[in-house]
Amino acid sequence: MPKKIPMRQCTGCREMKPKRELIRVVKSPEGEISLDFQGKKPGRGAYVCAEPDCLKRSVKTRGLERAFGKSIPAEILTRLEAEMTEDAP
């Protein structure tokens, strides 16, 4: 029997995709928001496709804000976009 593949929804395009294809955005218990390429950081997670366009769409539709229950400062969003384009595996 094939192994079950966990599926998650992208907050940008709203498509269900395999968890390994998405990047996890994490709000730590201290309230800091960061990218989690390994998927192991503690905290509340939301998923975004590995494309900067999906991150922009998620910001526009306030998908990340709804997932975390708080507004996300603009400097954090620009840092997330920079990390996504430079550090992507």
N, C-alpha and C. Protein backbone atom coordinates (compact mmCIF):
# COMPACT_ATOMS: atom_id res chain seq x y z
N MET A 1 0.85 -1.18 0.00
CA MET A 1 0.00 0.00 0.00
C MET A 1 0.89 1.24 0.00
N PRO A 2 0.62 2.22 -0.89
CA PRO A 2 1.46 3.42 -0.95
C PRO A 2 1.32 4.27 0.31
N LYS A 3 2.42 4.95 0.63
CA LYS A 3 2.44 5.80 1.81
C LYS A 3 1.59 7.05 1.57
N LYS A 4 0.84 7.48 2.57
CA LYS A 4 -0.01 8.65 2.44
C LYS A 4 0.85 9.91 2.40
N ILE A 5 0.57 10.80 1.46
CA ILE A 5 1.31 12.05 1.30
C ILE A 5 0.50 13.16 1.95
N PRO A 6 1.07 13.85 2.97
CA PRO A 6 0.32 14.93 3.60
C PRO A 6 0.14 16.11 2.64
N MET A 7 -1.07 16.63 2.58
CA MET A 7 -1.39 17.75 1.70
C MET A 7 -1.65 19.00 2.55
N ARG A 8 -1.22 20.14 2.03
CA ARG A 8 -1.44 21.43 2.69
C ARG A 8 -1.92 22.43 1.65
N GLN A 9 -2.63 23.45 2.11
CA GLN A 9 -3.16 24.47 1.21
C GLN A 9 -2.27 25.70 1.21
N CYS A 10 -1.92 26.17 0.04
CA CYS A 10 -1.13 27.39 -0.11
C CYS A 10 -2.04 28.58 0.23
N THR A 11 -1.54 29.51 1.05
CA THR A 11 -2.35 30.67 1.42
C THR A 11 -2.42 31.69 0.29
N GLY A 12 -1.61 31.51 -0.76
CA GLY A 12 -1.63 32.42 -1.90
C GLY A 12 -2.59 31.97 -2.98
N CYS A 13 -2.32 30.82 -3.58
CA CYS A 13 -3.14 30.34 -4.69
C CYS A 13 -4.30 29.46 -4.22
N ARG A 14 -4.30 29.09 -2.94
CA ARG A 14 -5.36 28.29 -2.32
C ARG A 14 -5.47 26.88 -2.89
N GLU A 15 -4.39 26.37 -3.51
CA GLU A 15 -4.38 25.01 -4.05
C GLU A 15 -3.82 24.04 -3.02
N MET A 16 -4.36 22.84 -3.00
CA MET A 16 -3.84 21.79 -2.14
C MET A 16 -2.65 21.15 -2.86
N LYS A 17 -1.51 21.10 -2.18
CA LYS A 17 -0.31 20.52 -2.76
C LYS A 17 0.38 19.66 -1.71
N PRO A 18 1.27 18.75 -2.15
CA PRO A 18 2.03 17.97 -1.18
C PRO A 18 2.86 18.89 -0.28
N LYS A 19 2.90 18.56 0.99
CA LYS A 19 3.57 19.38 2.01
C LYS A 19 5.02 19.70 1.64
N ARG A 20 5.72 18.76 1.04
CA ARG A 20 7.14 18.96 0.71
C ARG A 20 7.37 19.97 -0.40
N GLU A 21 6.34 20.27 -1.19
CA GLU A 21 6.48 21.24 -2.28
C GLU A 21 6.28 22.67 -1.79
N LEU A 22 5.79 22.85 -0.58
CA LEU A 22 5.46 24.17 -0.05
C LEU A 22 6.48 24.63 0.98
N ILE A 23 6.54 25.93 1.20
CA ILE A 23 7.41 26.51 2.23
C ILE A 23 6.53 26.90 3.41
N ARG A 24 6.97 26.54 4.58
CA ARG A 24 6.21 26.83 5.80
C ARG A 24 6.63 28.20 6.34
N VAL A 25 5.65 29.04 6.61
CA VAL A 25 5.87 30.31 7.27
C VAL A 25 5.41 30.10 8.70
N VAL A 26 6.26 30.44 9.67
CA VAL A 26 6.00 30.10 11.07
C VAL A 26 5.88 31.35 11.93
N LYS A 27 4.88 31.33 12.82
CA LYS A 27 4.81 32.34 13.88
C LYS A 27 5.22 31.61 15.15
N SER A 28 6.39 31.97 15.68
CA SER A 28 6.93 31.30 16.85
C SER A 28 6.09 31.64 18.08
N PRO A 29 6.25 30.89 19.18
CA PRO A 29 5.53 31.21 20.42
C PRO A 29 5.81 32.63 20.91
N GLU A 30 6.96 33.20 20.54
CA GLU A 30 7.29 34.58 20.93
C GLU A 30 6.64 35.60 20.00
N GLY A 31 6.04 35.15 18.89
CA GLY A 31 5.37 36.05 17.95
C GLY A 31 6.21 36.44 16.76
N GLU A 32 7.43 35.89 16.62
CA GLU A 32 8.30 36.21 15.48
C GLU A 32 7.89 35.37 14.28
N ILE A 33 7.85 36.01 13.11
CA ILE A 33 7.45 35.32 11.88
C ILE A 33 8.69 35.08 11.02
N SER A 34 8.85 33.83 10.54
CA SER A 34 10.01 33.48 9.73
C SER A 34 9.64 32.35 8.78
N LEU A 35 10.55 32.09 7.82
CA LEU A 35 10.37 30.97 6.90
C LEU A 35 11.00 29.72 7.51
N ASP A 36 10.38 28.59 7.28
CA ASP A 36 10.87 27.32 7.80
C ASP A 36 10.99 26.35 6.63
N PHE A 37 12.19 26.27 6.03
CA PHE A 37 12.39 25.40 4.88
C PHE A 37 12.40 23.92 5.28
N GLN A 38 12.76 23.60 6.53
CA GLN A 38 12.82 22.21 6.98
C GLN A 38 11.48 21.71 7.51
N GLY A 39 10.60 22.62 7.93
CA GLY A 39 9.30 22.23 8.45
C GLY A 39 9.34 21.74 9.87
N LYS A 40 10.34 22.15 10.65
CA LYS A 40 10.50 21.61 12.01
C LYS A 40 10.49 22.66 13.11
N LYS A 41 10.43 23.95 12.76
CA LYS A 41 10.43 24.98 13.79
C LYS A 41 9.13 24.92 14.60
N PRO A 42 9.20 25.21 15.89
CA PRO A 42 7.98 25.19 16.70
C PRO A 42 7.14 26.43 16.42
N GLY A 43 5.83 26.28 16.52
CA GLY A 43 4.93 27.41 16.35
C GLY A 43 3.84 27.12 15.34
N ARG A 44 3.01 28.11 15.13
CA ARG A 44 1.89 28.03 14.20
C ARG A 44 2.41 28.17 12.78
N GLY A 45 2.01 27.28 11.90
CA GLY A 45 2.51 27.31 10.54
C GLY A 45 1.43 27.58 9.51
N ALA A 46 1.83 28.23 8.45
CA ALA A 46 0.99 28.43 7.27
C ALA A 46 1.89 28.14 6.07
N TYR A 47 1.30 27.70 4.99
CA TYR A 47 2.10 27.25 3.85
C TYR A 47 1.92 28.15 2.63
N VAL A 48 3.03 28.33 1.89
CA VAL A 48 3.04 29.14 0.67
C VAL A 48 3.86 28.38 -0.36
N CYS A 49 3.45 28.48 -1.63
CA CYS A 49 4.24 27.90 -2.72
C CYS A 49 5.62 28.56 -2.74
N ALA A 50 6.57 27.91 -3.36
CA ALA A 50 7.95 28.40 -3.38
C ALA A 50 8.16 29.53 -4.38
N GLU A 51 7.11 30.21 -4.78
CA GLU A 51 7.20 31.31 -5.74
C GLU A 51 6.87 32.63 -5.06
N PRO A 52 7.66 33.67 -5.29
CA PRO A 52 7.36 34.98 -4.70
C PRO A 52 5.98 35.51 -5.08
N ASP A 53 5.46 35.12 -6.25
CA ASP A 53 4.13 35.58 -6.65
C ASP A 53 3.05 35.06 -5.70
N CYS A 54 3.22 33.84 -5.22
CA CYS A 54 2.25 33.28 -4.28
C CYS A 54 2.32 34.02 -2.95
N LEU A 55 3.51 34.40 -2.53
CA LEU A 55 3.65 35.18 -1.30
C LEU A 55 2.97 36.53 -1.46
N LYS A 56 3.15 37.18 -2.61
CA LYS A 56 2.49 38.46 -2.86
C LYS A 56 0.98 38.31 -2.86
N ARG A 57 0.49 37.25 -3.49
CA ARG A 57 -0.95 37.01 -3.55
C ARG A 57 -1.50 36.73 -2.15
N SER A 58 -0.72 36.02 -1.35
CA SER A 58 -1.13 35.73 0.03
C SER A 58 -1.22 37.01 0.86
N VAL A 59 -0.29 37.92 0.62
CA VAL A 59 -0.31 39.21 1.33
C VAL A 59 -1.51 40.03 0.88
N LYS A 60 -1.77 40.03 -0.42
CA LYS A 60 -2.87 40.83 -0.96
C LYS A 60 -4.22 40.34 -0.43
N THR A 61 -4.40 39.03 -0.34
CA THR A 61 -5.67 38.48 0.14
C THR A 61 -5.70 38.32 1.66
N ARG A 62 -4.61 38.73 2.31
CA ARG A 62 -4.48 38.66 3.78
C ARG A 62 -4.56 37.22 4.31
N GLY A 63 -4.10 36.27 3.50
CA GLY A 63 -4.12 34.86 3.89
C GLY A 63 -3.22 34.58 5.09
N LEU A 64 -2.01 35.14 5.09
CA LEU A 64 -1.10 34.93 6.22
C LEU A 64 -1.61 35.61 7.48
N GLU A 65 -2.18 36.80 7.34
CA GLU A 65 -2.71 37.50 8.50
C GLU A 65 -3.84 36.71 9.14
N ARG A 66 -4.70 36.12 8.33
CA ARG A 66 -5.80 35.31 8.87
C ARG A 66 -5.26 34.04 9.53
N ALA A 67 -4.24 33.45 8.93
CA ALA A 67 -3.68 32.21 9.49
C ALA A 67 -3.03 32.46 10.86
N PHE A 68 -2.39 33.62 11.01
CA PHE A 68 -1.68 33.91 12.26
C PHE A 68 -2.48 34.76 13.23
N GLY A 69 -3.58 35.33 12.78
CA GLY A 69 -4.42 36.13 13.67
C GLY A 69 -3.79 37.45 14.08
N LYS A 70 -2.87 37.96 13.28
CA LYS A 70 -2.26 39.26 13.56
C LYS A 70 -1.77 39.87 12.26
N SER A 71 -1.61 41.20 12.26
CA SER A 71 -1.10 41.85 11.06
C SER A 71 0.41 41.63 10.98
N ILE A 72 0.90 41.57 9.76
CA ILE A 72 2.32 41.31 9.53
C ILE A 72 2.96 42.60 9.03
N PRO A 73 3.98 43.11 9.74
CA PRO A 73 4.63 44.35 9.30
C PRO A 73 5.28 44.20 7.93
N ALA A 74 5.34 45.32 7.19
CA ALA A 74 5.87 45.32 5.82
C ALA A 74 7.33 44.89 5.77
N GLU A 75 8.14 45.28 6.78
CA GLU A 75 9.55 44.89 6.74
C GLU A 75 9.74 43.39 6.86
N ILE A 76 8.85 42.73 7.59
CA ILE A 76 8.93 41.26 7.70
C ILE A 76 8.57 40.63 6.35
N LEU A 77 7.59 41.17 5.67
CA LEU A 77 7.19 40.63 4.37
C LEU A 77 8.30 40.77 3.34
N THR A 78 8.99 41.92 3.33
CA THR A 78 10.09 42.09 2.38
C THR A 78 11.24 41.15 2.72
N ARG A 79 11.49 40.92 4.02
CA ARG A 79 12.53 39.99 4.43
C ARG A 79 12.17 38.56 4.01
N LEU A 80 10.89 38.20 4.16
CA LEU A 80 10.44 36.86 3.76
C LEU A 80 10.62 36.67 2.26
N GLU A 81 10.29 37.69 1.47
CA GLU A 81 10.44 37.58 0.02
C GLU A 81 11.91 37.46 -0.36
N ALA A 82 12.78 38.21 0.32
CA ALA A 82 14.22 38.13 0.05
C ALA A 82 14.76 36.75 0.42
N GLU A 83 14.35 36.22 1.57
CA GLU A 83 14.78 34.88 1.99
C GLU A 83 14.30 33.83 0.99
N MET A 84 13.08 34.00 0.50
CA MET A 84 12.51 33.01 -0.41
C MET A 84 13.29 32.97 -1.71
N THR A 85 13.71 34.12 -2.22
CA THR A 85 14.41 34.14 -3.50
C THR A 85 15.88 33.74 -3.35
N GLU A 86 16.51 34.03 -2.20
CA GLU A 86 17.94 33.73 -2.02
C GLU A 86 18.20 32.35 -1.43
N ASP A 87 17.45 31.98 -0.40
CA ASP A 87 17.78 30.78 0.37
C ASP A 87 17.01 29.53 -0.05
N ALA A 88 16.17 29.64 -1.04
CA ALA A 88 15.36 28.49 -1.43
C ALA A 88 16.28 27.33 -1.82
N PRO A 89 15.98 26.13 -1.31
CA PRO A 89 16.82 24.98 -1.62
C PRO A 89 16.65 24.51 -3.05
